[in-house]
Protein backbone atom coordinates (compact mmCIF):
# COMPACT_ATOMS: atom_id res chain seq x y z
CA MET A 1 -1.71 2.41 -17.17
CA ILE A 2 -0.53 5.42 -15.14
CA GLU A 3 -4.13 6.24 -14.26
CA LYS A 4 -4.66 2.68 -12.97
CA PHE A 5 -1.58 2.99 -10.73
CA GLY A 6 -2.92 6.25 -9.35
CA ILE A 7 -6.32 4.72 -8.61
CA SER A 8 -4.68 1.75 -6.89
CA ALA A 9 -2.44 4.09 -4.88
CA GLY A 10 -5.56 5.97 -3.78
CA LYS A 11 -7.15 2.74 -2.54
CA VAL A 12 -4.02 1.84 -0.56
CA TRP A 13 -3.76 5.34 0.90
CA SER A 14 -7.44 5.31 1.93
CA VAL A 15 -7.14 1.97 3.74
CA LEU A 16 -4.00 3.11 5.56
CA ASP A 17 -5.60 6.42 6.46
CA GLU A 18 -8.69 4.72 7.90
CA ASN A 19 -7.01 1.74 9.60
CA GLY A 20 -3.41 2.76 10.26
CA LYS A 21 -0.44 0.43 9.94
CA GLN A 22 -1.25 -2.74 7.99
CA GLU A 23 0.55 -6.00 7.35
CA ILE A 24 0.95 -6.37 3.59
CA LYS A 25 -1.36 -9.42 3.34
CA ALA A 26 -4.11 -7.57 5.23
CA LEU A 27 -3.59 -4.53 3.01
CA LYS A 28 -3.98 -6.68 -0.10
CA LYS A 29 -7.20 -8.18 1.26
CA ALA A 30 -8.61 -4.78 2.28
CA THR A 31 -7.87 -3.15 -1.08
CA LYS A 32 -8.82 -6.21 -3.17
CA LEU A 33 -5.88 -5.46 -5.47
CA THR A 34 -3.82 -8.03 -7.36
CA ASP A 35 -0.19 -8.48 -6.31
CA LYS A 36 0.94 -6.53 -9.38
CA ASP A 37 -1.42 -3.61 -8.73
CA LEU A 38 -0.65 -3.53 -5.00
CA TYR A 39 3.11 -3.37 -5.56
CA ALA A 40 2.69 -0.75 -8.30
CA ALA A 41 0.62 1.34 -5.86
CA LEU A 42 3.22 0.91 -3.12
CA GLY A 43 5.93 1.99 -5.56
CA TRP A 44 3.91 5.08 -6.48
CA LEU A 45 3.33 6.01 -2.82
CA GLY A 46 6.92 5.19 -1.90
CA ARG A 47 8.30 7.43 -4.62
CA GLU A 48 6.14 10.26 -3.28
CA GLU A 49 7.42 9.49 0.26
CA LYS A 50 3.86 8.96 1.52
CA ILE A 51 4.43 5.53 3.09
CA VAL A 52 6.81 3.83 5.47
CA ILE A 53 7.70 0.16 4.97
CA GLU A 54 8.87 -1.78 8.03
CA THR A 55 9.78 -5.41 8.54
CA GLU A 56 9.19 -7.31 11.75
CA GLU A 57 10.73 -10.75 11.47
CA LYS A 58 9.18 -12.14 8.26
CA ASP A 59 6.23 -9.73 8.11
CA ILE A 60 6.11 -6.50 6.11
CA PHE A 61 4.08 -3.59 7.46
CA ILE A 62 3.01 -0.46 5.60
CA SER A 63 1.94 2.83 7.18
CA LEU A 64 1.51 6.43 6.11
CA SER A 65 4.47 8.73 6.70
């Protein structure tokens, strides 16, 4: 399971590196991850302090730190 989280985190990181700041729905679509895998990947990257999570009104945006 840990390996799967790492692979998902790599997908998220790659999309953010290529495209910059992403709204969470766009990030999910770009990575083609399930909700569970996306949030696990965000948790992994967040724990490593590699992402920034911002809210603008009701939208959640993710970017690399």
